[in-house]
Amino acid sequence: MKNKWSQIARFFFDDISSDLPDLLIRPLDIGITEMPFETSTPHRHDYFQIIWYIKGSGRCQVDFKEFPIVDNAIHLIHPDQIHLFEDTPEISGYIIVFKEVFHILTEEIRDLFFSGNLFLNHLNYMPINVPPKFRPKLQSIMDSLLVEYNHPSKYQNELLKSFLKILLIYIMMMANANESGKKAYNTRSVCIIRDFMTLVDQEYKQIHSVSDYAKKLALTANHLNDVVKSNTGKTAGNLIRDKIILEAKRIAYFTNRSIKEIAFELGFTDENYFSRFFRKYTSQSFTSFRQEIHKKYRTDDK
């Protein structure tokens, strides 16, 4: 079996937009055709992408999970998520791509997004439904973004960032529309979640235990678990495992490394323990997953 990294290419913001430093917006039917790659084959990129299907059908796959494309749904794609969209020609909506999100947000709004779990979306991807009451508001924001994008001015980037902030807040509200009983926003709790998730992204290959993360955050393991569970619905251990499993799946697709090599890269000293870990949390053996995903996606295996 040959290893072809090119089977899932990684694209960069500068490949699609050289006229603006931060953001691009297009009507969906136009934007899809302007992309310098085939969106119906697995790919990834170094920027965020928001796709609002006002009208659409077909299917999408994000990090090996498949979803139907339906009317009035938003897809928020994070950098380096493996994805594809197979839609029909009769689509309408908008596509927005933008670089690193945090530098455009104030600390208060950034923490608000963590309280709403918007940036945990990449660990357990789900499209976001747009309820009828939000549709006119989103349409107005998209119209404003398009106007400012197509009319350069001295303050163009600041205006675009302002409208993007508003859009992200509405997306967060819709993503949490069914959580009316959620605890009130708590600044200290959100800071803990933000710092914890940042550490997980940095240390998941070296650190697997909740207690070790808690020590780095100067917290007890019980307190860290309580804060994370009450604000995200998952324990700290769940989120650590989600990250490890997702990266294991990506390595399984991208490379032909042995299970022993992958286990070692992800911080496991025993490949048998890693195999049991993977099966326990995916209900599938690692070998079975790799065979299935290669058969489904990799043309060099056919």
C-alpha atoms as a PDB file:
ATOM      1  CA  MET A   1       0.000   0.000   0.000  1.00  0.00           C
ATOM      2  CA  LYS A   2       1.549   3.320  -1.043  1.00  0.00           C
ATOM      3  CA  ASN A   3       1.283   6.305   1.224  1.00  0.00           C
ATOM      4  CA  LYS A   4       0.008   9.358  -0.613  1.00  0.00           C
ATOM      5  CA  TRP A   5      -0.279  12.439   1.540  1.00  0.00           C
ATOM      6  CA  SER A   6      -1.536  14.207  -1.563  1.00  0.00           C
ATOM      7  CA  GLN A   7      -4.767  12.254  -1.288  1.00  0.00           C
ATOM      8  CA  ILE A   8      -5.841  14.840   1.284  1.00  0.00           C
ATOM      9  CA  ALA A   9      -4.267  18.135   0.312  1.00  0.00           C
ATOM     10  CA  ARG A  10      -3.908  21.039   2.731  1.00  0.00           C
ATOM     11  CA  PHE A  11      -4.843  24.439   1.341  1.00  0.00           C
ATOM     12  CA  PHE A  12      -3.948  27.882   2.590  1.00  0.00           C
ATOM     13  CA  PHE A  13      -5.855  31.130   2.948  1.00  0.00           C
ATOM     14  CA  ASP A  14      -3.480  32.933   0.612  1.00  0.00           C
ATOM     15  CA  ASP A  15      -4.379  30.436  -2.125  1.00  0.00           C
ATOM     16  CA  ILE A  16      -7.917  31.818  -2.277  1.00  0.00           C
ATOM     17  CA  SER A  17      -7.618  35.441  -1.180  1.00  0.00           C
ATOM     18  CA  SER A  18      -4.690  37.753  -1.762  1.00  0.00           C
ATOM     19  CA  ASP A  19      -6.637  41.029  -1.807  1.00  0.00           C
ATOM     20  CA  LEU A  20      -7.715  40.978   1.844  1.00  0.00           C
ATOM     21  CA  PRO A  21      -5.631  39.880   4.819  1.00  0.00           C
ATOM     22  CA  ASP A  22      -8.333  38.302   6.960  1.00  0.00           C
ATOM     23  CA  LEU A  23     -11.673  37.366   5.407  1.00  0.00           C
ATOM     24  CA  LEU A  24     -13.467  36.359   2.229  1.00  0.00           C
ATOM     25  CA  ILE A  25     -17.231  36.039   1.662  1.00  0.00           C
ATOM     26  CA  ARG A  26     -19.110  34.814  -1.409  1.00  0.00           C
ATOM     27  CA  PRO A  27     -22.596  33.609  -2.328  1.00  0.00           C
ATOM     28  CA  LEU A  28     -22.332  29.844  -1.969  1.00  0.00           C
ATOM     29  CA  ASP A  29     -22.944  28.895  -5.613  1.00  0.00           C
ATOM     30  CA  ILE A  30     -20.190  31.287  -6.732  1.00  0.00           C
ATOM     31  CA  GLY A  31     -17.794  30.631  -3.854  1.00  0.00           C
ATOM     32  CA  ILE A  32     -17.713  26.872  -4.373  1.00  0.00           C
ATOM     33  CA  THR A  33     -16.730  27.225  -8.035  1.00  0.00           C
ATOM     34  CA  GLU A  34     -13.982  29.758  -7.178  1.00  0.00           C
ATOM     35  CA  MET A  35     -12.173  27.454  -4.770  1.00  0.00           C
ATOM     36  CA  PRO A  36      -8.804  26.336  -6.197  1.00  0.00           C
ATOM     37  CA  PHE A  37      -9.543  22.704  -5.324  1.00  0.00           C
ATOM     38  CA  GLU A  38     -12.271  20.100  -5.653  1.00  0.00           C
ATOM     39  CA  THR A  39     -14.541  20.411  -2.622  1.00  0.00           C
ATOM     40  CA  SER A  40     -16.103  16.982  -3.189  1.00  0.00           C
ATOM     41  CA  THR A  41     -12.835  15.177  -2.380  1.00  0.00           C
ATOM     42  CA  PRO A  42     -11.332  14.994   1.134  1.00  0.00           C
ATOM     43  CA  HIS A  43      -9.259  18.075   1.933  1.00  0.00           C
ATOM     44  CA  ARG A  44      -8.274  20.372   4.772  1.00  0.00           C
ATOM     45  CA  HIS A  45      -7.076  23.948   5.115  1.00  0.00           C
ATOM     46  CA  ASP A  46      -5.417  26.370   7.504  1.00  0.00           C
ATOM     47  CA  TYR A  47      -8.434  28.660   7.952  1.00  0.00           C
ATOM     48  CA  PHE A  48     -11.922  28.660   9.413  1.00  0.00           C
ATOM     49  CA  GLN A  49     -14.868  28.199   7.094  1.00  0.00           C
ATOM     50  CA  ILE A  50     -18.542  28.979   7.647  1.00  0.00           C
ATOM     51  CA  ILE A  51     -21.004  27.550   5.141  1.00  0.00           C
ATOM     52  CA  TRP A  52     -24.683  28.445   5.425  1.00  0.00           C
ATOM     53  CA  TYR A  53     -26.854  26.285   3.199  1.00  0.00           C
ATOM     54  CA  ILE A  54     -30.082  28.223   2.769  1.00  0.00           C
ATOM     55  CA  LYS A  55     -31.057  25.668   0.138  1.00  0.00           C
ATOM     56  CA  GLY A  56     -29.120  22.511  -0.480  1.00  0.00           C
ATOM     57  CA  SER A  57     -28.995  18.745  -0.680  1.00  0.00           C
ATOM     58  CA  GLY A  58     -26.334  16.084  -0.816  1.00  0.00           C
ATOM     59  CA  ARG A  59     -23.911  14.930   1.853  1.00  0.00           C
ATOM     60  CA  CYS A  60     -20.869  16.110   3.741  1.00  0.00           C
ATOM     61  CA  GLN A  61     -18.197  14.288   5.694  1.00  0.00           C
ATOM     62  CA  VAL A  62     -16.206  15.929   8.470  1.00  0.00           C
ATOM     63  CA  ASP A  63     -13.469  14.042  10.309  1.00  0.00           C
ATOM     64  CA  PHE A  64     -14.898  10.736   9.032  1.00  0.00           C
ATOM     65  CA  LYS A  65     -18.488  11.442  10.137  1.00  0.00           C
ATOM     66  CA  GLU A  66     -21.165  11.741   7.463  1.00  0.00           C
ATOM     67  CA  PHE A  67     -24.132  14.140   7.509  1.00  0.00           C
ATOM     68  CA  PRO A  68     -26.833  15.029   4.998  1.00  0.00           C
ATOM     69  CA  ILE A  69     -26.805  18.527   3.529  1.00  0.00           C
ATOM     70  CA  VAL A  70     -30.147  20.103   4.376  1.00  0.00           C
ATOM     71  CA  ASP A  71     -31.790  23.515   4.078  1.00  0.00           C
ATOM     72  CA  ASN A  72     -30.911  26.171   6.657  1.00  0.00           C
ATOM     73  CA  ALA A  73     -27.928  24.501   8.238  1.00  0.00           C
ATOM     74  CA  ILE A  74     -24.553  26.010   9.102  1.00  0.00           C
ATOM     75  CA  HIS A  75     -21.303  24.088   8.871  1.00  0.00           C
ATOM     76  CA  LEU A  76     -18.436  25.532  10.913  1.00  0.00           C
ATOM     77  CA  ILE A  77     -15.170  23.962   9.755  1.00  0.00           C
ATOM     78  CA  HIS A  78     -12.071  24.400  11.882  1.00  0.00           C
ATOM     79  CA  PRO A  79      -8.513  24.454  10.544  1.00  0.00           C
ATOM     80  CA  ASP A  80      -7.160  21.009   9.629  1.00  0.00           C
ATOM     81  CA  GLN A  81     -10.507  19.234   9.878  1.00  0.00           C
ATOM     82  CA  ILE A  82     -10.683  16.659   7.083  1.00  0.00           C
ATOM     83  CA  HIS A  83     -13.877  17.238   5.132  1.00  0.00           C
ATOM     84  CA  LEU A  84     -15.697  17.098   1.837  1.00  0.00           C
ATOM     85  CA  PHE A  85     -18.997  18.427   0.514  1.00  0.00           C
ATOM     86  CA  GLU A  86     -20.942  16.676  -2.231  1.00  0.00           C
ATOM     87  CA  ASP A  87     -23.835  18.995  -2.993  1.00  0.00           C
ATOM     88  CA  THR A  88     -26.175  19.477  -5.926  1.00  0.00           C
ATOM     89  CA  PRO A  89     -25.936  22.376  -8.403  1.00  0.00           C
ATOM     90  CA  GLU A  90     -29.146  23.861  -7.006  1.00  0.00           C
ATOM     91  CA  ILE A  91     -27.690  25.396  -3.865  1.00  0.00           C
ATOM     92  CA  SER A  92     -27.975  28.820  -2.301  1.00  0.00           C
ATOM     93  CA  GLY A  93     -26.405  30.401   0.740  1.00  0.00           C
ATOM     94  CA  TYR A  94     -23.058  31.863   1.726  1.00  0.00           C
ATOM     95  CA  ILE A  95     -19.504  30.781   2.320  1.00  0.00           C
ATOM     96  CA  ILE A  96     -17.121  32.725   4.563  1.00  0.00           C
ATOM     97  CA  VAL A  97     -13.471  31.889   5.126  1.00  0.00           C
ATOM     98  CA  PHE A  98     -11.237  33.657   7.587  1.00  0.00           C
ATOM     99  CA  LYS A  99      -7.921  33.257   9.326  1.00  0.00           C
ATOM    100  CA  GLU A 100      -7.212  32.652  12.988  1.00  0.00           C
ATOM    101  CA  VAL A 101     -10.329  33.692  14.869  1.00  0.00           C
ATOM    102  CA  PHE A 102      -9.032  34.718  18.277  1.00  0.00           C
ATOM    103  CA  HIS A 103      -7.093  37.798  17.248  1.00  0.00           C
ATOM    104  CA  ILE A 104     -10.318  39.461  16.063  1.00  0.00           C
ATOM    105  CA  LEU A 105     -12.162  38.893  19.329  1.00  0.00           C
ATOM    106  CA  THR A 106     -12.009  40.731  22.611  1.00  0.00           C
ATOM    107  CA  GLU A 107     -11.216  38.591  25.641  1.00  0.00           C
ATOM    108  CA  GLU A 108     -14.806  38.922  26.838  1.00  0.00           C
ATOM    109  CA  ILE A 109     -16.283  37.633  23.575  1.00  0.00           C
ATOM    110  CA  ARG A 110     -13.643  34.916  23.298  1.00  0.00           C
ATOM    111  CA  ASP A 111     -14.591  33.626  26.726  1.00  0.00           C
ATOM    112  CA  LEU A 112     -18.243  33.828  25.765  1.00  0.00           C
ATOM    113  CA  PHE A 113     -17.575  31.427  22.883  1.00  0.00           C
ATOM    114  CA  PHE A 114     -15.941  28.950  25.219  1.00  0.00           C
ATOM    115  CA  SER A 115     -18.948  29.203  27.526  1.00  0.00           C
ATOM    116  CA  GLY A 116     -21.119  28.320  24.543  1.00  0.00           C
ATOM    117  CA  ASN A 117     -18.857  25.437  23.453  1.00  0.00           C
ATOM    118  CA  LEU A 118     -18.526  26.863  19.941  1.00  0.00           C
ATOM    119  CA  PHE A 119     -14.830  26.044  19.816  1.00  0.00           C
ATOM    120  CA  LEU A 120     -15.309  22.486  21.114  1.00  0.00           C
ATOM    121  CA  ASN A 121     -17.266  21.768  17.931  1.00  0.00           C
ATOM    122  CA  HIS A 122     -14.206  20.365  16.171  1.00  0.00           C
ATOM    123  CA  LEU A 123     -13.951  17.402  18.577  1.00  0.00           C
ATOM    124  CA  ASN A 124     -17.510  16.204  17.972  1.00  0.00           C
ATOM    125  CA  TYR A 125     -18.657  17.824  14.769  1.00  0.00           C
ATOM    126  CA  MET A 126     -22.344  18.583  14.208  1.00  0.00           C
ATOM    127  CA  PRO A 127     -24.020  20.948  11.716  1.00  0.00           C
ATOM    128  CA  ILE A 128     -25.977  23.775  13.315  1.00  0.00           C
ATOM    129  CA  ASN A 129     -29.653  24.232  12.510  1.00  0.00           C
ATOM    130  CA  VAL A 130     -30.833  27.780  11.698  1.00  0.00           C
ATOM    131  CA  PRO A 131     -34.297  28.254  13.257  1.00  0.00           C
ATOM    132  CA  PRO A 132     -36.785  30.509  11.398  1.00  0.00           C
ATOM    133  CA  LYS A 133     -36.456  33.372  13.889  1.00  0.00           C
ATOM    134  CA  PHE A 134     -32.713  33.658  13.180  1.00  0.00           C
ATOM    135  CA  ARG A 135     -32.862  33.552   9.388  1.00  0.00           C
ATOM    136  CA  PRO A 136     -33.703  37.240   8.733  1.00  0.00           C
ATOM    137  CA  LYS A 137     -30.977  38.305  11.172  1.00  0.00           C
ATOM    138  CA  LEU A 138     -28.379  36.110   9.499  1.00  0.00           C
ATOM    139  CA  GLN A 139     -29.456  37.299   6.066  1.00  0.00           C
ATOM    140  CA  SER A 140     -28.980  40.906   7.161  1.00  0.00           C
ATOM    141  CA  ILE A 141     -25.493  40.162   8.521  1.00  0.00           C
ATOM    142  CA  MET A 142     -24.486  38.348   5.335  1.00  0.00           C
ATOM    143  CA  ASP A 143     -25.757  41.229   3.219  1.00  0.00           C
ATOM    144  CA  SER A 144     -23.722  43.665   5.302  1.00  0.00           C
ATOM    145  CA  LEU A 145     -20.599  41.514   5.023  1.00  0.00           C
ATOM    146  CA  LEU A 146     -20.991  41.314   1.246  1.00  0.00           C
ATOM    147  CA  VAL A 147     -21.457  45.071   0.922  1.00  0.00           C
ATOM    148  CA  GLU A 148     -18.352  45.851   2.968  1.00  0.00           C
ATOM    149  CA  TYR A 149     -16.329  43.149   1.238  1.00  0.00           C
ATOM    150  CA  ASN A 150     -17.168  44.483  -2.219  1.00  0.00           C
ATOM    151  CA  HIS A 151     -16.555  48.157  -1.320  1.00  0.00           C
ATOM    152  CA  PRO A 152     -13.004  48.633  -0.043  1.00  0.00           C
ATOM    153  CA  SER A 153     -12.510  51.507   2.348  1.00  0.00           C
ATOM    154  CA  LYS A 154     -10.075  52.676   4.969  1.00  0.00           C
ATOM    155  CA  TYR A 155     -12.031  50.838   7.651  1.00  0.00           C
ATOM    156  CA  GLN A 156     -13.003  47.786   5.618  1.00  0.00           C
ATOM    157  CA  ASN A 157     -11.243  45.179   7.743  1.00  0.00           C
ATOM    158  CA  GLU A 158     -12.584  46.599  10.994  1.00  0.00           C
ATOM    159  CA  LEU A 159     -16.122  46.596   9.623  1.00  0.00           C
ATOM    160  CA  LEU A 160     -15.770  43.027   8.366  1.00  0.00           C
ATOM    161  CA  LYS A 161     -14.429  41.868  11.721  1.00  0.00           C
ATOM    162  CA  SER A 162     -17.301  43.581  13.538  1.00  0.00           C
ATOM    163  CA  PHE A 163     -19.945  41.866  11.413  1.00  0.00           C
ATOM    164  CA  LEU A 164     -18.108  38.557  11.761  1.00  0.00           C
ATOM    165  CA  LYS A 165     -18.195  38.870  15.550  1.00  0.00           C
ATOM    166  CA  ILE A 166     -21.948  39.394  15.425  1.00  0.00           C
ATOM    167  CA  LEU A 167     -22.357  36.406  13.124  1.00  0.00           C
ATOM    168  CA  LEU A 168     -20.302  34.170  15.423  1.00  0.00           C
ATOM    169  CA  ILE A 169     -22.391  35.222  18.414  1.00  0.00           C
ATOM    170  CA  TYR A 170     -25.599  34.257  16.585  1.00  0.00           C
ATOM    171  CA  ILE A 171     -24.052  30.928  15.563  1.00  0.00           C
ATOM    172  CA  MET A 172     -23.171  30.291  19.203  1.00  0.00           C
ATOM    173  CA  MET A 173     -26.741  31.103  20.232  1.00  0.00           C
ATOM    174  CA  MET A 174     -28.129  28.674  17.656  1.00  0.00           C
ATOM    175  CA  ALA A 175     -25.663  25.964  18.602  1.00  0.00           C
ATOM    176  CA  ASN A 176     -26.943  26.182  22.176  1.00  0.00           C
ATOM    177  CA  ALA A 177     -30.604  26.791  21.358  1.00  0.00           C
ATOM    178  CA  ASN A 178     -31.665  23.617  23.177  1.00  0.00           C
ATOM    179  CA  GLU A 179     -29.755  24.407  26.359  1.00  0.00           C
ATOM    180  CA  SER A 180     -32.081  26.942  27.950  1.00  0.00           C
ATOM    181  CA  GLY A 181     -31.496  25.338  31.341  1.00  0.00           C
ATOM    182  CA  LYS A 182     -27.752  25.759  31.147  1.00  0.00           C
ATOM    183  CA  LYS A 183     -25.945  27.413  34.024  1.00  0.00           C
ATOM    184  CA  ALA A 184     -25.374  31.128  33.779  1.00  0.00           C
ATOM    185  CA  TYR A 185     -22.165  32.372  32.201  1.00  0.00           C
ATOM    186  CA  ASN A 186     -19.352  32.266  34.741  1.00  0.00           C
ATOM    187  CA  THR A 187     -16.120  34.043  33.882  1.00  0.00           C
ATOM    188  CA  ARG A 188     -13.887  31.918  36.121  1.00  0.00           C
ATOM    189  CA  SER A 189     -15.323  28.644  34.803  1.00  0.00           C
ATOM    190  CA  VAL A 190     -14.911  29.723  31.201  1.00  0.00           C
ATOM    191  CA  CYS A 191     -11.271  30.693  31.799  1.00  0.00           C
ATOM    192  CA  ILE A 192     -10.653  27.233  33.247  1.00  0.00           C
ATOM    193  CA  ILE A 193     -12.223  25.534  30.217  1.00  0.00           C
ATOM    194  CA  ARG A 194     -10.304  27.754  27.814  1.00  0.00           C
ATOM    195  CA  ASP A 195      -6.983  27.065  29.539  1.00  0.00           C
ATOM    196  CA  PHE A 196      -7.744  23.346  29.836  1.00  0.00           C
ATOM    197  CA  MET A 197      -8.605  22.936  26.142  1.00  0.00           C
ATOM    198  CA  THR A 198      -5.521  24.923  25.132  1.00  0.00           C
ATOM    199  CA  LEU A 199      -3.403  22.558  27.233  1.00  0.00           C
ATOM    200  CA  VAL A 200      -5.087  19.489  25.748  1.00  0.00           C
ATOM    201  CA  ASP A 201      -4.312  20.708  22.232  1.00  0.00           C
ATOM    202  CA  GLN A 202      -0.679  21.201  23.238  1.00  0.00           C
ATOM    203  CA  GLU A 203      -0.088  18.202  25.492  1.00  0.00           C
ATOM    204  CA  TYR A 204      -2.441  15.375  24.444  1.00  0.00           C
ATOM    205  CA  LYS A 205       0.468  13.243  23.198  1.00  0.00           C
ATOM    206  CA  GLN A 206       2.306  13.489  26.510  1.00  0.00           C
ATOM    207  CA  ILE A 207      -0.462  13.862  29.098  1.00  0.00           C
ATOM    208  CA  HIS A 208      -3.536  11.628  29.292  1.00  0.00           C
ATOM    209  CA  SER A 209      -4.708  11.965  32.895  1.00  0.00           C
ATOM    210  CA  VAL A 210      -7.103  14.550  34.261  1.00  0.00           C
ATOM    211  CA  SER A 211      -5.042  14.883  37.448  1.00  0.00           C
ATOM    212  CA  ASP A 212      -1.925  15.898  35.509  1.00  0.00           C
ATOM    213  CA  TYR A 213      -3.826  18.589  33.611  1.00  0.00           C
ATOM    214  CA  ALA A 214      -5.372  19.756  36.877  1.00  0.00           C
ATOM    215  CA  LYS A 215      -1.919  20.146  38.442  1.00  0.00           C
ATOM    216  CA  LYS A 216      -0.775  22.324  35.557  1.00  0.00           C
ATOM    217  CA  LEU A 217      -3.853  24.495  36.093  1.00  0.00           C
ATOM    218  CA  ALA A 218      -3.365  24.603  39.880  1.00  0.00           C
ATOM    219  CA  LEU A 219      -6.697  22.838  40.428  1.00  0.00           C
ATOM    220  CA  THR A 220      -7.876  19.578  41.907  1.00  0.00           C
ATOM    221  CA  ALA A 221      -8.967  16.901  39.441  1.00  0.00           C
ATOM    222  CA  ASN A 222     -12.461  16.880  40.931  1.00  0.00           C
ATOM    223  CA  HIS A 223     -12.858  20.622  40.526  1.00  0.00           C
ATOM    224  CA  LEU A 224     -11.618  20.536  36.927  1.00  0.00           C
ATOM    225  CA  ASN A 225     -14.045  17.734  36.116  1.00  0.00           C
ATOM    226  CA  ASP A 226     -16.945  19.533  37.794  1.00  0.00           C
ATOM    227  CA  VAL A 227     -16.310  22.771  35.899  1.00  0.00           C
ATOM    228  CA  VAL A 228     -15.861  21.081  32.530  1.00  0.00           C
ATOM    229  CA  LYS A 229     -18.871  18.771  32.974  1.00  0.00           C
ATOM    230  CA  SER A 230     -21.229  21.514  34.125  1.00  0.00           C
ATOM    231  CA  ASN A 231     -20.329  23.765  31.184  1.00  0.00           C
ATOM    232  CA  THR A 232     -19.805  21.307  28.326  1.00  0.00           C
ATOM    233  CA  GLY A 233     -21.815  18.231  29.275  1.00  0.00           C
ATOM    234  CA  LYS A 234     -18.637  16.126  29.126  1.00  0.00           C
ATOM    235  CA  THR A 235     -16.018  15.294  31.694  1.00  0.00           C
ATOM    236  CA  ALA A 236     -12.439  16.455  31.307  1.00  0.00           C
ATOM    237  CA  GLY A 237     -11.475  12.842  30.667  1.00  0.00           C
ATOM    238  CA  ASN A 238     -14.025  12.609  27.845  1.00  0.00           C
ATOM    239  CA  LEU A 239     -12.522  15.630  26.090  1.00  0.00           C
ATOM    240  CA  ILE A 240      -8.975  14.296  26.440  1.00  0.00           C
ATOM    241  CA  ARG A 241     -10.048  10.958  24.968  1.00  0.00           C
ATOM    242  CA  ASP A 242     -11.971  12.657  22.148  1.00  0.00           C
ATOM    243  CA  LYS A 243      -8.805  14.505  21.135  1.00  0.00           C
ATOM    244  CA  ILE A 244      -6.620  11.382  21.241  1.00  0.00           C
ATOM    245  CA  ILE A 245      -9.120   9.294  19.255  1.00  0.00           C
ATOM    246  CA  LEU A 246      -9.538  11.988  16.597  1.00  0.00           C
ATOM    247  CA  GLU A 247      -5.776  12.311  16.124  1.00  0.00           C
ATOM    248  CA  ALA A 248      -5.392   8.526  16.004  1.00  0.00           C
ATOM    249  CA  LYS A 249      -7.952   8.394  13.190  1.00  0.00           C
ATOM    250  CA  ARG A 250      -6.176  11.134  11.263  1.00  0.00           C
ATOM    251  CA  ILE A 251      -2.809   9.397  11.565  1.00  0.00           C
ATOM    252  CA  ALA A 252      -4.440   6.126  10.482  1.00  0.00           C
ATOM    253  CA  TYR A 253      -5.655   7.819   7.329  1.00  0.00           C
ATOM    254  CA  PHE A 254      -2.656   9.965   6.497  1.00  0.00           C
ATOM    255  CA  THR A 255       0.112   7.431   7.098  1.00  0.00           C
ATOM    256  CA  ASN A 256       0.977   3.764   6.946  1.00  0.00           C
ATOM    257  CA  ARG A 257       2.630   3.771  10.330  1.00  0.00           C
ATOM    258  CA  SER A 258       2.206   0.590  12.331  1.00  0.00           C
ATOM    259  CA  ILE A 259      -0.152   0.502  15.264  1.00  0.00           C
ATOM    260  CA  LYS A 260       2.905   0.298  17.528  1.00  0.00           C
ATOM    261  CA  GLU A 261       4.335   3.495  16.029  1.00  0.00           C
ATOM    262  CA  ILE A 262       1.018   5.317  16.314  1.00  0.00           C
ATOM    263  CA  ALA A 263       0.551   4.200  19.899  1.00  0.00           C
ATOM    264  CA  PHE A 264       4.017   5.503  20.776  1.00  0.00           C
ATOM    265  CA  GLU A 265       3.418   8.829  18.996  1.00  0.00           C
ATOM    266  CA  LEU A 266       0.219   9.347  21.004  1.00  0.00           C
ATOM    267  CA  GLY A 267       1.932   8.641  24.305  1.00  0.00           C
ATOM    268  CA  PHE A 268       1.081   4.968  24.839  1.00  0.00           C
ATOM    269  CA  THR A 269       3.953   2.681  25.824  1.00  0.00           C
ATOM    270  CA  ASP A 270       1.931  -0.478  25.182  1.00  0.00           C
ATOM    271  CA  GLU A 271       0.354  -1.017  21.759  1.00  0.00           C
ATOM    272  CA  ASN A 272      -2.079  -3.578  23.197  1.00  0.00           C
ATOM    273  CA  TYR A 273      -3.336  -1.024  25.693  1.00  0.00           C
ATOM    274  CA  PHE A 274      -3.753   1.490  22.873  1.00  0.00           C
ATOM    275  CA  SER A 275      -5.704  -1.109  20.868  1.00  0.00           C
ATOM    276  CA  ARG A 276      -8.029  -1.729  23.808  1.00  0.00           C
ATOM    277  CA  PHE A 277      -8.384   2.039  24.375  1.00  0.00           C
ATOM    278  CA  PHE A 278      -9.341   2.627  20.736  1.00  0.00           C
ATOM    279  CA  ARG A 279     -11.862  -0.229  20.672  1.00  0.00           C
ATOM    280  CA  LYS A 280     -13.426   0.810  23.978  1.00  0.00           C
ATOM    281  CA  TYR A 281     -14.172   4.363  22.844  1.00  0.00           C
ATOM    282  CA  THR A 282     -15.036   3.701  19.183  1.00  0.00           C
ATOM    283  CA  SER A 283     -16.605   0.214  19.398  1.00  0.00           C
ATOM    284  CA  GLN A 284     -14.267  -0.786  16.565  1.00  0.00           C
ATOM    285  CA  SER A 285     -10.753  -2.159  16.345  1.00  0.00           C
ATOM    286  CA  PHE A 286      -8.043   0.140  15.052  1.00  0.00           C
ATOM    287  CA  THR A 287      -7.236  -2.244  12.201  1.00  0.00           C
ATOM    288  CA  SER A 288     -10.895  -2.429  11.184  1.00  0.00           C
ATOM    289  CA  PHE A 289     -11.214   1.353  11.240  1.00  0.00           C
ATOM    290  CA  ARG A 290      -8.097   1.812   9.112  1.00  0.00           C
ATOM    291  CA  GLN A 291      -9.254  -0.722   6.529  1.00  0.00           C
ATOM    292  CA  GLU A 292     -12.710   0.830   6.370  1.00  0.00           C
ATOM    293  CA  ILE A 293     -11.484   4.405   6.038  1.00  0.00           C
ATOM    294  CA  HIS A 294      -8.875   3.562   3.405  1.00  0.00           C
ATOM    295  CA  LYS A 295     -11.445   1.673   1.347  1.00  0.00           C
ATOM    296  CA  LYS A 296     -13.847   4.594   1.581  1.00  0.00           C
ATOM    297  CA  TYR A 297     -11.507   7.509   0.873  1.00  0.00           C
ATOM    298  CA  ARG A 298      -8.124   6.555  -0.509  1.00  0.00           C
ATOM    299  CA  THR A 299      -8.071   6.125  -4.261  1.00  0.00           C
ATOM    300  CA  ASP A 300      -4.492   4.800  -4.160  1.00  0.00           C
ATOM    301  CA  ASP A 301      -5.780   1.692  -2.384  1.00  0.00           C
ATOM    302  CA  LYS A 302      -8.216   0.788  -5.173  1.00  0.00           C
END
